[in-house]
PDB file of N, CA and C in Angstrom:
ATOM      1  N   UNK A   1       4.698  14.056  12.173  1.00  0.00           N
ATOM      2  CA  UNK A   1       4.107  12.976  11.360  1.00  0.00           C
ATOM      3  C   UNK A   1       2.404  12.881  11.678  1.00  0.00           C
ATOM      4  N   UNK A   2       2.255  13.098  13.165  1.00  0.00           N
ATOM      5  CA  UNK A   2       0.860  12.886  13.400  1.00  0.00           C
ATOM      6  C   UNK A   2       0.032  13.468  12.562  1.00  0.00           C
ATOM      7  N   UNK A   3       0.530  15.124  11.990  1.00  0.00           N
ATOM      8  CA  UNK A   3      -0.328  15.980  11.302  1.00  0.00           C
ATOM      9  C   UNK A   3      -0.725  15.097   9.782  1.00  0.00           C
ATOM     10  N   UNK A   4       0.596  14.425   9.274  1.00  0.00           N
ATOM     11  CA  UNK A   4       0.275  13.615   8.227  1.00  0.00           C
ATOM     12  C   UNK A   4      -0.625  12.602   8.056  1.00  0.00           C
ATOM     13  N   UNK A   5      -0.349  11.992   9.004  1.00  0.00           N
ATOM     14  CA  UNK A   5      -1.427  10.866   9.581  1.00  0.00           C
ATOM     15  C   UNK A   5      -3.044  11.212   9.525  1.00  0.00           C
ATOM     16  N   UNK A   6      -3.390  12.431  10.230  1.00  0.00           N
ATOM     17  CA  UNK A   6      -4.643  12.974  10.609  1.00  0.00           C
ATOM     18  C   UNK A   6      -4.961  13.497   9.174  1.00  0.00           C
ATOM     19  N   UNK A   7      -4.121  14.200   8.353  1.00  0.00           N
ATOM     20  CA  UNK A   7      -4.648  14.825   7.209  1.00  0.00           C
ATOM     21  C   UNK A   7      -5.115  13.849   6.187  1.00  0.00           C
ATOM     22  N   UNK A   8      -4.346  12.459   6.394  1.00  0.00           N
ATOM     23  CA  UNK A   8      -4.545  11.345   5.216  1.00  0.00           C
ATOM     24  C   UNK A   8      -4.889  10.036   5.814  1.00  0.00           C
ATOM     25  N   UNK A   9      -5.881  10.038   6.898  1.00  0.00           N
ATOM     26  CA  UNK A   9      -5.990   9.011   7.438  1.00  0.00           C
ATOM     27  C   UNK A   9      -7.067   7.912   6.745  1.00  0.00           C
ATOM     28  N   UNK A  10      -7.806   8.914   5.953  1.00  0.00           N
ATOM     29  CA  UNK A  10      -9.025   8.172   5.150  1.00  0.00           C
ATOM     30  C   UNK A  10      -8.311   7.557   4.044  1.00  0.00           C
ATOM     31  N   UNK A  11      -7.263   7.859   3.592  1.00  0.00           N
ATOM     32  CA  UNK A  11      -6.187   7.397   2.423  1.00  0.00           C
ATOM     33  C   UNK A  11      -5.361   6.049   3.027  1.00  0.00           C
ATOM     34  N   UNK A  12      -4.993   6.262   4.140  1.00  0.00           N
ATOM     35  CA  UNK A  12      -4.127   5.303   4.669  1.00  0.00           C
ATOM     36  C   UNK A  12      -5.286   4.114   4.914  1.00  0.00           C
ATOM     37  N   UNK A  13      -6.405   4.554   5.514  1.00  0.00           N
ATOM     38  CA  UNK A  13      -7.612   3.366   5.609  1.00  0.00           C
ATOM     39  C   UNK A  13      -7.913   2.801   4.374  1.00  0.00           C
ATOM     40  N   UNK A  14      -8.010   3.558   3.347  1.00  0.00           N
ATOM     41  CA  UNK A  14      -8.083   2.619   1.996  1.00  0.00           C
ATOM     42  C   UNK A  14      -7.343   1.970   1.527  1.00  0.00           C
ATOM     43  N   UNK A  15      -6.199   2.334   1.780  1.00  0.00           N
ATOM     44  CA  UNK A  15      -5.113   1.415   1.240  1.00  0.00           C
ATOM     45  C   UNK A  15      -5.020  -0.162   2.298  1.00  0.00           C
ATOM     46  N   UNK A  16      -5.070   0.192   3.644  1.00  0.00           N
ATOM     47  CA  UNK A  16      -5.307  -0.717   4.498  1.00  0.00           C
ATOM     48  C   UNK A  16      -6.436  -1.802   4.262  1.00  0.00           C
ATOM     49  N   UNK A  17      -7.631  -1.300   3.762  1.00  0.00           N
ATOM     50  CA  UNK A  17      -8.743  -1.998   3.529  1.00  0.00           C
ATOM     51  C   UNK A  17      -8.399  -3.016   2.386  1.00  0.00           C
ATOM     52  N   UNK A  18      -8.044  -2.756   1.486  1.00  0.00           N
ATOM     53  CA  UNK A  18      -7.814  -3.588   0.430  1.00  0.00           C
ATOM     54  C   UNK A  18      -6.615  -4.392   0.623  1.00  0.00           C
ATOM     55  N   UNK A  19      -5.572  -4.088   1.632  1.00  0.00           N
ATOM     56  CA  UNK A  19      -4.555  -5.083   1.869  1.00  0.00           C
ATOM     57  C   UNK A  19      -5.326  -6.084   2.617  1.00  0.00           C
ATOM     58  N   UNK A  20      -6.092  -5.841   3.370  1.00  0.00           N
ATOM     59  CA  UNK A  20      -7.095  -6.790   4.359  1.00  0.00           C
ATOM     60  C   UNK A  20      -7.554  -7.632   3.669  1.00  0.00           C
ATOM     61  N   UNK A  21      -8.194  -7.234   2.457  1.00  0.00           N
ATOM     62  CA  UNK A  21      -9.051  -8.347   1.581  1.00  0.00           C
ATOM     63  C   UNK A  21      -7.893  -9.184   0.826  1.00  0.00           C
ATOM     64  N   UNK A  22      -6.806  -8.731   0.418  1.00  0.00           N
ATOM     65  CA  UNK A  22      -5.503  -9.272  -0.275  1.00  0.00           C
ATOM     66  C   UNK A  22      -5.158 -10.303   0.564  1.00  0.00           C
ATOM     67  N   UNK A  23      -4.972 -10.066   1.991  1.00  0.00           N
ATOM     68  CA  UNK A  23      -4.685 -11.123   3.034  1.00  0.00           C
ATOM     69  C   UNK A  23      -5.618 -12.390   3.110  1.00  0.00           C
ATOM     70  N   UNK A  24      -6.838 -12.026   2.951  1.00  0.00           N
ATOM     71  CA  UNK A  24      -8.079 -13.102   2.988  1.00  0.00           C
ATOM     72  C   UNK A  24      -8.302 -13.598   2.009  1.00  0.00           C
ATOM     73  N   UNK A  25      -8.112 -12.950   0.795  1.00  0.00           N
ATOM     74  CA  UNK A  25      -8.226 -13.954  -0.332  1.00  0.00           C
ATOM     75  C   UNK A  25      -7.011 -14.547  -0.967  1.00  0.00           C
ATOM     76  N   UNK A  26      -5.952 -14.306  -0.471  1.00  0.00           N
ATOM     77  CA  UNK A  26      -4.543 -14.900  -0.848  1.00  0.00           C
ATOM     78  C   UNK A  26      -3.786 -15.441   0.435  1.00  0.00           C
ATOM     79  N   UNK A  27      -3.823 -16.930   0.700  1.00  0.00           N
ATOM     80  CA  UNK A  27      -3.221 -17.314   1.923  1.00  0.00           C
ATOM     81  C   UNK A  27      -1.795 -17.619   1.679  1.00  0.00           C
ATOM     82  N   UNK A  28      -1.334 -17.337   0.297  1.00  0.00           N
ATOM     83  CA  UNK A  28       0.115 -17.207   0.240  1.00  0.00           C
ATOM     84  C   UNK A  28       0.640 -15.738   0.539  1.00  0.00           C
ATOM     85  N   UNK A  29      -0.042 -14.816   0.976  1.00  0.00           N
ATOM     86  CA  UNK A  29       0.468 -13.570   0.997  1.00  0.00           C
ATOM     87  C   UNK A  29       0.956 -13.263   2.544  1.00  0.00           C
ATOM     88  N   UNK A  30       2.254 -12.925   2.806  1.00  0.00           N
ATOM     89  CA  UNK A  30       2.838 -12.571   3.738  1.00  0.00           C
ATOM     90  C   UNK A  30       3.360 -11.492   3.836  1.00  0.00           C
ATOM     91  N   UNK A  31       3.612 -10.983   5.157  1.00  0.00           N
ATOM     92  CA  UNK A  31       4.391  -9.493   5.150  1.00  0.00           C
ATOM     93  C   UNK A  31       5.517  -9.117   4.255  1.00  0.00           C
ATOM     94  N   UNK A  32       6.616 -10.507   4.086  1.00  0.00           N
ATOM     95  CA  UNK A  32       7.461 -10.031   3.533  1.00  0.00           C
ATOM     96  C   UNK A  32       7.259  -9.955   1.876  1.00  0.00           C
ATOM     97  N   UNK A  33       6.333 -10.718   1.099  1.00  0.00           N
ATOM     98  CA  UNK A  33       5.611 -10.451   0.144  1.00  0.00           C
ATOM     99  C   UNK A  33       4.978  -8.838  -0.020  1.00  0.00           C
ATOM    100  N   UNK A  34       4.216  -9.018   1.023  1.00  0.00           N
ATOM    101  CA  UNK A  34       3.431  -7.379   0.930  1.00  0.00           C
ATOM    102  C   UNK A  34       4.555  -6.034   0.777  1.00  0.00           C
ATOM    103  N   UNK A  35       5.538  -6.344   1.725  1.00  0.00           N
ATOM    104  CA  UNK A  35       6.492  -5.077   1.648  1.00  0.00           C
ATOM    105  C   UNK A  35       7.249  -5.211   0.161  1.00  0.00           C
ATOM    106  N   UNK A  36       7.465  -6.513  -0.258  1.00  0.00           N
ATOM    107  CA  UNK A  36       7.794  -6.137  -1.717  1.00  0.00           C
ATOM    108  C   UNK A  36       6.834  -5.819  -2.787  1.00  0.00           C
ATOM    109  N   UNK A  37       5.415  -6.048  -2.632  1.00  0.00           N
ATOM    110  CA  UNK A  37       4.354  -5.484  -3.583  1.00  0.00           C
ATOM    111  C   UNK A  37       4.224  -4.120  -3.302  1.00  0.00           C
ATOM    112  N   UNK A  38       4.252  -3.710  -1.847  1.00  0.00           N
ATOM    113  CA  UNK A  38       4.451  -1.892  -1.676  1.00  0.00           C
ATOM    114  C   UNK A  38       5.242  -1.500  -2.302  1.00  0.00           C
ATOM    115  N   UNK A  39       6.731  -1.792  -2.352  1.00  0.00           N
ATOM    116  CA  UNK A  39       7.795  -1.036  -3.249  1.00  0.00           C
ATOM    117  C   UNK A  39       7.414  -0.999  -4.777  1.00  0.00           C
ATOM    118  N   UNK A  40       6.584  -2.005  -5.112  1.00  0.00           N
ATOM    119  CA  UNK A  40       6.314  -2.101  -6.453  1.00  0.00           C
ATOM    120  C   UNK A  40       5.513  -1.343  -6.708  1.00  0.00           C
ATOM    121  N   UNK A  41       4.371  -1.025  -6.122  1.00  0.00           N
ATOM    122  CA  UNK A  41       3.303   0.006  -6.054  1.00  0.00           C
ATOM    123  C   UNK A  41       3.518   1.152  -6.108  1.00  0.00           C
ATOM    124  N   UNK A  42       4.827   1.619  -5.440  1.00  0.00           N
ATOM    125  CA  UNK A  42       5.257   2.796  -5.386  1.00  0.00           C
ATOM    126  C   UNK A  42       5.658   3.107  -6.808  1.00  0.00           C
ATOM    127  N   UNK A  43       6.559   2.081  -7.480  1.00  0.00           N
ATOM    128  CA  UNK A  43       6.943   2.308  -8.888  1.00  0.00           C
ATOM    129  C   UNK A  43       5.361   2.321  -9.782  1.00  0.00           C
ATOM    130  N   UNK A  44       4.757   1.714  -9.753  1.00  0.00           N
ATOM    131  CA  UNK A  44       3.395   1.494 -10.532  1.00  0.00           C
ATOM    132  C   UNK A  44       2.697   2.932 -10.282  1.00  0.00           C
ATOM    133  N   UNK A  45       2.520   3.442  -9.203  1.00  0.00           N
ATOM    134  CA  UNK A  45       1.496   4.827  -9.449  1.00  0.00           C
ATOM    135  C   UNK A  45       2.377   5.704  -9.931  1.00  0.00           C
ATOM    136  N   UNK A  46       3.556   5.928  -9.914  1.00  0.00           N
ATOM    137  CA  UNK A  46       4.471   6.718 -10.331  1.00  0.00           C
ATOM    138  C   UNK A  46       4.574   6.603 -11.718  1.00  0.00           C
ATOM    139  N   UNK A  47       4.665   5.489 -12.356  1.00  0.00           N
ATOM    140  CA  UNK A  47       4.270   5.207 -13.605  1.00  0.00           C
ATOM    141  C   UNK A  47       2.988   5.515 -14.534  1.00  0.00           C
ATOM    142  N   UNK A  48       2.022   5.573 -13.595  1.00  0.00           N
ATOM    143  CA  UNK A  48       0.943   5.780 -13.913  1.00  0.00           C
ATOM    144  C   UNK A  48       0.883   7.829 -14.360  1.00  0.00           C
ATOM    145  N   UNK A  49       1.810   8.433 -13.497  1.00  0.00           N
ATOM    146  CA  UNK A  49       2.038   9.995 -13.577  1.00  0.00           C
ATOM    147  C   UNK A  49       3.132  10.183 -14.576  1.00  0.00           C
ATOM    148  N   UNK A  50       3.646   9.183 -15.288  1.00  0.00           N
ATOM    149  CA  UNK A  50       4.700   9.596 -16.100  1.00  0.00           C
ATOM    150  C   UNK A  50       5.970   9.741 -15.718  1.00  0.00           C
ATOM    151  N   UNK A  51       6.274   9.094 -14.319  1.00  0.00           N
ATOM    152  CA  UNK A  51       7.763   9.046 -13.581  1.00  0.00           C
ATOM    153  C   UNK A  51       8.194   7.501 -13.722  1.00  0.00           C
ATOM    154  N   UNK A  52       9.316   7.443 -13.202  1.00  0.00           N
ATOM    155  CA  UNK A  52       9.961   5.945 -12.801  1.00  0.00           C
ATOM    156  C   UNK A  52       9.739   5.325 -13.863  1.00  0.00           C
ATOM    157  N   UNK A  53      10.125   6.002 -15.183  1.00  0.00           N
ATOM    158  CA  UNK A  53      10.088   5.287 -16.529  1.00  0.00           C
ATOM    159  C   UNK A  53      11.155   4.213 -16.607  1.00  0.00           C
ATOM    160  N   UNK A  54      12.115   4.202 -16.159  1.00  0.00           N
ATOM    161  CA  UNK A  54      13.262   3.166 -16.272  1.00  0.00           C
ATOM    162  C   UNK A  54      13.068   2.226 -15.317  1.00  0.00           C
ATOM    163  N   UNK A  55      12.221   2.415 -14.282  1.00  0.00           N
ATOM    164  CA  UNK A  55      12.230   1.281 -13.176  1.00  0.00           C
ATOM    165  C   UNK A  55      11.186   0.054 -13.680  1.00  0.00           C
ATOM    166  N   UNK A  56      11.308  -0.858 -13.035  1.00  0.00           N
ATOM    167  CA  UNK A  56      10.714  -2.275 -13.650  1.00  0.00           C
ATOM    168  C   UNK A  56       9.587  -2.383 -12.260  1.00  0.00           C
ATOM    169  N   UNK A  57       8.537  -2.946 -12.701  1.00  0.00           N
ATOM    170  CA  UNK A  57       7.655  -3.336 -11.945  1.00  0.00           C
ATOM    171  C   UNK A  57       7.819  -4.955 -11.704  1.00  0.00           C
ATOM    172  N   UNK A  58       7.888  -5.513 -10.772  1.00  0.00           N
ATOM    173  CA  UNK A  58       8.138  -7.240 -10.452  1.00  0.00           C
ATOM    174  C   UNK A  58       6.871  -7.458  -9.658  1.00  0.00           C
ATOM    175  N   UNK A  59       6.113  -8.266 -10.569  1.00  0.00           N
ATOM    176  CA  UNK A  59       4.951  -8.757  -9.815  1.00  0.00           C
ATOM    177  C   UNK A  59       4.667 -10.304  -9.918  1.00  0.00           C
ATOM    178  N   UNK A  60       4.021 -11.048  -9.198  1.00  0.00           N
ATOM    179  CA  UNK A  60       3.471 -12.344  -9.240  1.00  0.00           C
ATOM    180  C   UNK A  60       2.105 -12.802  -8.965  1.00  0.00           C
ATOM    181  N   UNK A  61       1.632 -13.614  -8.702  1.00  0.00           N
ATOM    182  CA  UNK A  61       0.322 -14.040  -8.567  1.00  0.00           C
ATOM    183  C   UNK A  61      -0.103 -13.412  -6.890  1.00  0.00           C
ATOM    184  N   UNK A  62       1.068 -13.718  -6.062  1.00  0.00           N
ATOM    185  CA  UNK A  62       0.676 -13.026  -4.849  1.00  0.00           C
ATOM    186  C   UNK A  62       0.806 -11.513  -4.537  1.00  0.00           C
ATOM    187  N   UNK A  63       1.132 -10.871  -5.420  1.00  0.00           N
ATOM    188  CA  UNK A  63       1.459  -9.254  -5.370  1.00  0.00           C
ATOM    189  C   UNK A  63       0.852  -8.812  -6.163  1.00  0.00           C
ATOM    190  N   UNK A  64       0.269  -9.105  -7.349  1.00  0.00           N
ATOM    191  CA  UNK A  64      -0.284  -8.468  -8.025  1.00  0.00           C
ATOM    192  C   UNK A  64      -1.633  -7.943  -7.661  1.00  0.00           C
ATOM    193  N   UNK A  65      -2.477  -8.365  -6.851  1.00  0.00           N
ATOM    194  CA  UNK A  65      -3.583  -7.715  -6.238  1.00  0.00           C
ATOM    195  C   UNK A  65      -3.196  -6.581  -5.660  1.00  0.00           C
ATOM    196  N   UNK A  66      -2.235  -6.430  -4.760  1.00  0.00           N
ATOM    197  CA  UNK A  66      -1.655  -5.564  -3.655  1.00  0.00           C
ATOM    198  C   UNK A  66      -1.433  -4.310  -4.779  1.00  0.00           C
ATOM    199  N   UNK A  67      -0.481  -4.640  -5.604  1.00  0.00           N
ATOM    200  CA  UNK A  67      -0.179  -3.200  -6.486  1.00  0.00           C
ATOM    201  C   UNK A  67      -1.303  -2.925  -7.596  1.00  0.00           C
ATOM    202  N   UNK A  68      -2.226  -3.425  -7.855  1.00  0.00           N
ATOM    203  CA  UNK A  68      -3.447  -3.152  -8.481  1.00  0.00           C
ATOM    204  C   UNK A  68      -4.206  -2.353  -7.681  1.00  0.00           C
ATOM    205  N   UNK A  69      -4.620  -2.532  -6.343  1.00  0.00           N
ATOM    206  CA  UNK A  69      -5.405  -2.098  -5.354  1.00  0.00           C
ATOM    207  C   UNK A  69      -4.315  -0.619  -5.230  1.00  0.00           C
ATOM    208  N   UNK A  70      -3.486  -0.402  -4.741  1.00  0.00           N
ATOM    209  CA  UNK A  70      -2.688   0.349  -4.599  1.00  0.00           C
ATOM    210  C   UNK A  70      -2.651   1.387  -6.026  1.00  0.00           C
ATOM    211  N   UNK A  71      -2.438   1.271  -7.056  1.00  0.00           N
ATOM    212  CA  UNK A  71      -2.575   2.045  -8.155  1.00  0.00           C
ATOM    213  C   UNK A  71      -4.209   2.716  -8.156  1.00  0.00           C
ATOM    214  N   UNK A  72      -4.902   1.756  -7.982  1.00  0.00           N
ATOM    215  CA  UNK A  72      -6.252   2.182  -8.130  1.00  0.00           C
ATOM    216  C   UNK A  72      -6.901   3.146  -7.197  1.00  0.00           C
ATOM    217  N   UNK A  73      -6.508   3.073  -5.703  1.00  0.00           N
ATOM    218  CA  UNK A  73      -6.725   3.895  -5.000  1.00  0.00           C
ATOM    219  C   UNK A  73      -5.955   5.509  -5.160  1.00  0.00           C
ATOM    220  N   UNK A  74      -4.960   5.364  -5.682  1.00  0.00           N
ATOM    221  CA  UNK A  74      -3.916   6.423  -6.121  1.00  0.00           C
ATOM    222  C   UNK A  74      -4.763   7.048  -7.377  1.00  0.00           C
ATOM    223  N   UNK A  75      -5.305   6.265  -8.367  1.00  0.00           N
ATOM    224  CA  UNK A  75      -5.747   7.194  -9.520  1.00  0.00           C
ATOM    225  C   UNK A  75      -7.091   7.697  -8.839  1.00  0.00           C
ATOM    226  N   UNK A  76      -7.579   7.050  -7.932  1.00  0.00           N
ATOM    227  CA  UNK A  76      -9.052   7.893  -7.403  1.00  0.00           C
ATOM    228  C   UNK A  76      -8.787   9.102  -6.732  1.00  0.00           C
ATOM    229  N   UNK A  77      -7.595   9.184  -6.176  1.00  0.00           N
ATOM    230  CA  UNK A  77      -7.612   9.938  -4.903  1.00  0.00           C
ATOM    231  C   UNK A  77      -6.590  11.345  -5.467  1.00  0.00           C
ATOM    232  N   UNK A  78      -5.693  11.047  -5.988  1.00  0.00           N
ATOM    233  CA  UNK A  78      -4.547  11.937  -6.277  1.00  0.00           C
ATOM    234  C   UNK A  78      -5.085  12.910  -6.895  1.00  0.00           C
ATOM    235  N   UNK A  79      -4.693  14.128  -6.786  1.00  0.00           N
ATOM    236  CA  UNK A  79      -5.586  15.175  -7.443  1.00  0.00           C
ATOM    237  C   UNK A  79      -6.969  15.438  -7.099  1.00  0.00           C
ATOM    238  N   UNK A  80      -7.694  14.440  -6.802  1.00  0.00           N
ATOM    239  CA  UNK A  80      -9.045  14.642  -6.747  1.00  0.00           C
ATOM    240  C   UNK A  80      -9.731  14.891  -5.554  1.00  0.00           C
ATOM    241  N   UNK A  81      -9.382  13.897  -4.461  1.00  0.00           N
ATOM    242  CA  UNK A  81      -9.898  13.871  -3.348  1.00  0.00           C
ATOM    243  C   UNK A  81      -8.879  14.477  -2.416  1.00  0.00           C
ATOM    244  N   UNK A  82      -9.388  15.837  -1.348  1.00  0.00           N
ATOM    245  CA  UNK A  82      -8.505  16.297  -0.526  1.00  0.00           C
ATOM    246  C   UNK A  82      -7.474  16.756  -0.989  1.00  0.00           C
ATOM    247  N   UNK A  83      -7.302  16.773  -2.293  1.00  0.00           N
ATOM    248  CA  UNK A  83      -6.028  17.413  -3.048  1.00  0.00           C
ATOM    249  C   UNK A  83      -4.786  16.646  -2.852  1.00  0.00           C
ATOM    250  N   UNK A  84      -4.694  15.224  -2.584  1.00  0.00           N
ATOM    251  CA  UNK A  84      -3.520  14.761  -2.147  1.00  0.00           C
ATOM    252  C   UNK A  84      -2.615  14.522  -3.533  1.00  0.00           C
ATOM    253  N   UNK A  85      -1.299  14.873  -3.202  1.00  0.00           N
ATOM    254  CA  UNK A  85      -0.479  14.954  -4.432  1.00  0.00           C
ATOM    255  C   UNK A  85       0.174  13.232  -4.137  1.00  0.00           C
ATOM    256  N   UNK A  86       0.963  13.223  -5.746  1.00  0.00           N
ATOM    257  CA  UNK A  86       1.720  11.903  -6.027  1.00  0.00           C
ATOM    258  C   UNK A  86       2.320  11.868  -4.800  1.00  0.00           C
ATOM    259  N   UNK A  87       3.270  12.855  -4.357  1.00  0.00           N
ATOM    260  CA  UNK A  87       4.326  12.609  -3.462  1.00  0.00           C
ATOM    261  C   UNK A  87       3.888  12.072  -2.207  1.00  0.00           C
ATOM    262  N   UNK A  88       2.547  12.995  -1.773  1.00  0.00           N
ATOM    263  CA  UNK A  88       1.963  12.557  -0.634  1.00  0.00           C
ATOM    264  C   UNK A  88       1.253  10.996  -0.546  1.00  0.00           C
ATOM    265  N   UNK A  89       0.817  10.693  -1.583  1.00  0.00           N
ATOM    266  CA  UNK A  89       0.187   9.320  -1.821  1.00  0.00           C
ATOM    267  C   UNK A  89       1.437   8.296  -1.514  1.00  0.00           C
ATOM    268  N   UNK A  90       2.701   8.519  -2.097  1.00  0.00           N
ATOM    269  CA  UNK A  90       3.363   7.831  -1.912  1.00  0.00           C
ATOM    270  C   UNK A  90       4.046   7.871  -0.435  1.00  0.00           C
ATOM    271  N   UNK A  91       4.263   8.473  -0.115  1.00  0.00           N
ATOM    272  CA  UNK A  91       4.512   8.916   1.486  1.00  0.00           C
ATOM    273  C   UNK A  91       3.430   7.787   2.010  1.00  0.00           C
ATOM    274  N   UNK A  92       1.942   7.808   1.982  1.00  0.00           N
ATOM    275  CA  UNK A  92       1.016   7.000   2.688  1.00  0.00           C
ATOM    276  C   UNK A  92       1.655   5.612   2.420  1.00  0.00           C
ATOM    277  N   UNK A  93       1.979   5.395   1.035  1.00  0.00           N
ATOM    278  CA  UNK A  93       2.131   3.514   0.825  1.00  0.00           C
ATOM    279  C   UNK A  93       3.401   3.457   1.447  1.00  0.00           C
ATOM    280  N   UNK A  94       4.612   4.558   1.772  1.00  0.00           N
ATOM    281  CA  UNK A  94       5.567   4.229   2.700  1.00  0.00           C
ATOM    282  C   UNK A  94       5.495   4.141   3.936  1.00  0.00           C
ATOM    283  N   UNK A  95       4.253   4.795   4.619  1.00  0.00           N
ATOM    284  CA  UNK A  95       3.779   4.701   5.930  1.00  0.00           C
ATOM    285  C   UNK A  95       3.404   3.241   6.086  1.00  0.00           C
ATOM    286  N   UNK A  96       2.508   2.762   5.385  1.00  0.00           N
ATOM    287  CA  UNK A  96       1.770   1.602   5.395  1.00  0.00           C
ATOM    288  C   UNK A  96       2.953   0.579   5.400  1.00  0.00           C
ATOM    289  N   UNK A  97       4.001   0.566   4.521  1.00  0.00           N
ATOM    290  CA  UNK A  97       4.966  -0.069   4.556  1.00  0.00           C
ATOM    291  C   UNK A  97       5.712  -0.223   5.942  1.00  0.00           C
ATOM    292  N   UNK A  98       6.102   0.767   6.410  1.00  0.00           N
ATOM    293  CA  UNK A  98       6.613   0.890   7.564  1.00  0.00           C
ATOM    294  C   UNK A  98       5.872   0.228   8.978  1.00  0.00           C
ATOM    295  N   UNK A  99       4.705   0.131   8.703  1.00  0.00           N
ATOM    296  CA  UNK A  99       3.704  -0.401   9.627  1.00  0.00           C
ATOM    297  C   UNK A  99       3.869  -2.224   9.252  1.00  0.00           C
ATOM    298  N   UNK A 100       3.950  -2.331   8.094  1.00  0.00           N
ATOM    299  CA  UNK A 100       4.044  -3.981   7.886  1.00  0.00           C
ATOM    300  C   UNK A 100       5.325  -4.327   8.134  1.00  0.00           C
ATOM    301  N   UNK A 101       6.304  -3.600   8.016  1.00  0.00           N
ATOM    302  CA  UNK A 101       7.856  -3.842   8.654  1.00  0.00           C
ATOM    303  C   UNK A 101       7.668  -4.220  10.334  1.00  0.00           C
ATOM    304  N   UNK A 102       6.974  -3.309  10.911  1.00  0.00           N
ATOM    305  CA  UNK A 102       7.312  -3.163  12.433  1.00  0.00           C
ATOM    306  C   UNK A 102       6.207  -4.468  12.882  1.00  0.00           C
ATOM    307  N   UNK A 103       5.047  -4.656  12.134  1.00  0.00           N
ATOM    308  CA  UNK A 103       4.291  -5.977  12.766  1.00  0.00           C
ATOM    309  C   UNK A 103       4.631  -7.339  12.159  1.00  0.00           C
ATOM    310  N   UNK A 104       5.751  -7.221  11.311  1.00  0.00           N
ATOM    311  CA  UNK A 104       5.852  -8.501  10.643  1.00  0.00           C
ATOM    312  C   UNK A 104       6.939  -9.071  11.497  1.00  0.00           C
ATOM    313  N   UNK A 105       7.372  -8.517  12.788  1.00  0.00           N
ATOM    314  CA  UNK A 105       8.096  -8.953  13.268  1.00  0.00           C
ATOM    315  C   UNK A 105       7.460 -10.125  14.821  1.00  0.00           C
ATOM    316  N   UNK A 106       6.093 -10.075  14.392  1.00  0.00           N
ATOM    317  CA  UNK A 106       5.108 -10.870  15.327  1.00  0.00           C
ATOM    318  C   UNK A 106       4.728 -12.008  14.480  1.00  0.00           C
ATOM    319  N   UNK A 107       5.343 -12.267  13.417  1.00  0.00           N
ATOM    320  CA  UNK A 107       4.900 -13.310  12.667  1.00  0.00           C
ATOM    321  C   UNK A 107       5.107 -13.310  11.048  1.00  0.00           C
ATOM    322  N   UNK A 108       4.631 -14.269  10.370  1.00  0.00           N
ATOM    323  CA  UNK A 108       4.654 -14.261   9.106  1.00  0.00           C
ATOM    324  C   UNK A 108       3.694 -13.461   8.364  1.00  0.00           C
ATOM    325  N   UNK A 109       2.451 -13.486   9.203  1.00  0.00           N
ATOM    326  CA  UNK A 109       1.582 -12.590   8.980  1.00  0.00           C
ATOM    327  C   UNK A 109       1.051 -11.472   9.765  1.00  0.00           C
ATOM    328  N   UNK A 110       2.000 -11.228  10.730  1.00  0.00           N
ATOM    329  CA  UNK A 110       1.768 -10.092  11.886  1.00  0.00           C
ATOM    330  C   UNK A 110       0.953  -8.802  11.445  1.00  0.00           C
ATOM    331  N   UNK A 111       1.116  -8.350  10.238  1.00  0.00           N
ATOM    332  CA  UNK A 111       0.608  -7.212  10.005  1.00  0.00           C
ATOM    333  C   UNK A 111      -0.925  -7.543   9.637  1.00  0.00           C
ATOM    334  N   UNK A 112      -0.945  -8.534   9.051  1.00  0.00           N
ATOM    335  CA  UNK A 112      -2.466  -8.898   8.772  1.00  0.00           C
ATOM    336  C   UNK A 112      -3.279  -9.253  10.112  1.00  0.00           C
ATOM    337  N   UNK A 113      -2.572  -9.792  11.120  1.00  0.00           N
ATOM    338  CA  UNK A 113      -3.028  -9.989  12.318  1.00  0.00           C
ATOM    339  C   UNK A 113      -3.317  -8.614  13.304  1.00  0.00           C
ATOM    340  N   UNK A 114      -2.481  -7.566  12.745  1.00  0.00           N
ATOM    341  CA  UNK A 114      -2.857  -6.408  13.649  1.00  0.00           C
ATOM    342  C   UNK A 114      -4.000  -5.550  12.997  1.00  0.00           C
ATOM    343  N   UNK A 115      -4.267  -5.513  11.864  1.00  0.00           N
ATOM    344  CA  UNK A 115      -5.329  -4.654  11.239  1.00  0.00           C
ATOM    345  C   UNK A 115      -6.545  -5.522  10.686  1.00  0.00           C
ATOM    346  N   UNK A 116      -6.502  -6.683  10.816  1.00  0.00           N
ATOM    347  CA  UNK A 116      -7.750  -7.546  10.706  1.00  0.00           C
ATOM    348  C   UNK A 116      -8.975  -6.941  11.554  1.00  0.00           C
ATOM    349  N   UNK A 117      -8.689  -6.225  12.842  1.00  0.00           N
ATOM    350  CA  UNK A 117      -9.763  -6.022  13.363  1.00  0.00           C
ATOM    351  C   UNK A 117     -10.209  -4.459  13.497  1.00  0.00           C
ATOM    352  N   UNK A 118      -9.191  -4.154  12.994  1.00  0.00           N
ATOM    353  CA  UNK A 118      -9.416  -2.336  12.615  1.00  0.00           C
ATOM    354  C   UNK A 118      -9.999  -1.722  11.367  1.00  0.00           C
ATOM    355  N   UNK A 119      -9.770  -2.616  10.312  1.00  0.00           N
ATOM    356  CA  UNK A 119     -10.064  -2.085   9.043  1.00  0.00           C
ATOM    357  C   UNK A 119     -11.317  -3.129   8.628  1.00  0.00           C
TER     358      UNK A 119
END
């Protein structure tokens, strides 16, 4: 897994930078909503490439910015920069989601408290 992180560290940072901005711009966003948004972002990016046709994207005012950001990063990066595949990009989102889950144990916005000084 360390090799994966090293290879796609810049992609992970691109995702996290946008998540930090979403936290700062939306005081209602918390870790639970972020996890929900990341799950929907996975569906949304798959739909952009013709997959997950039967899956529904569920979003609201607190999560739509996260979903949009993740899709935009994916569209910019997939098959273009460092030749990241859709599959590996989805793994990046899942990796961020795991981190959110881990840090959410520290409080309602535990993940934001963790990343705000790093990105």
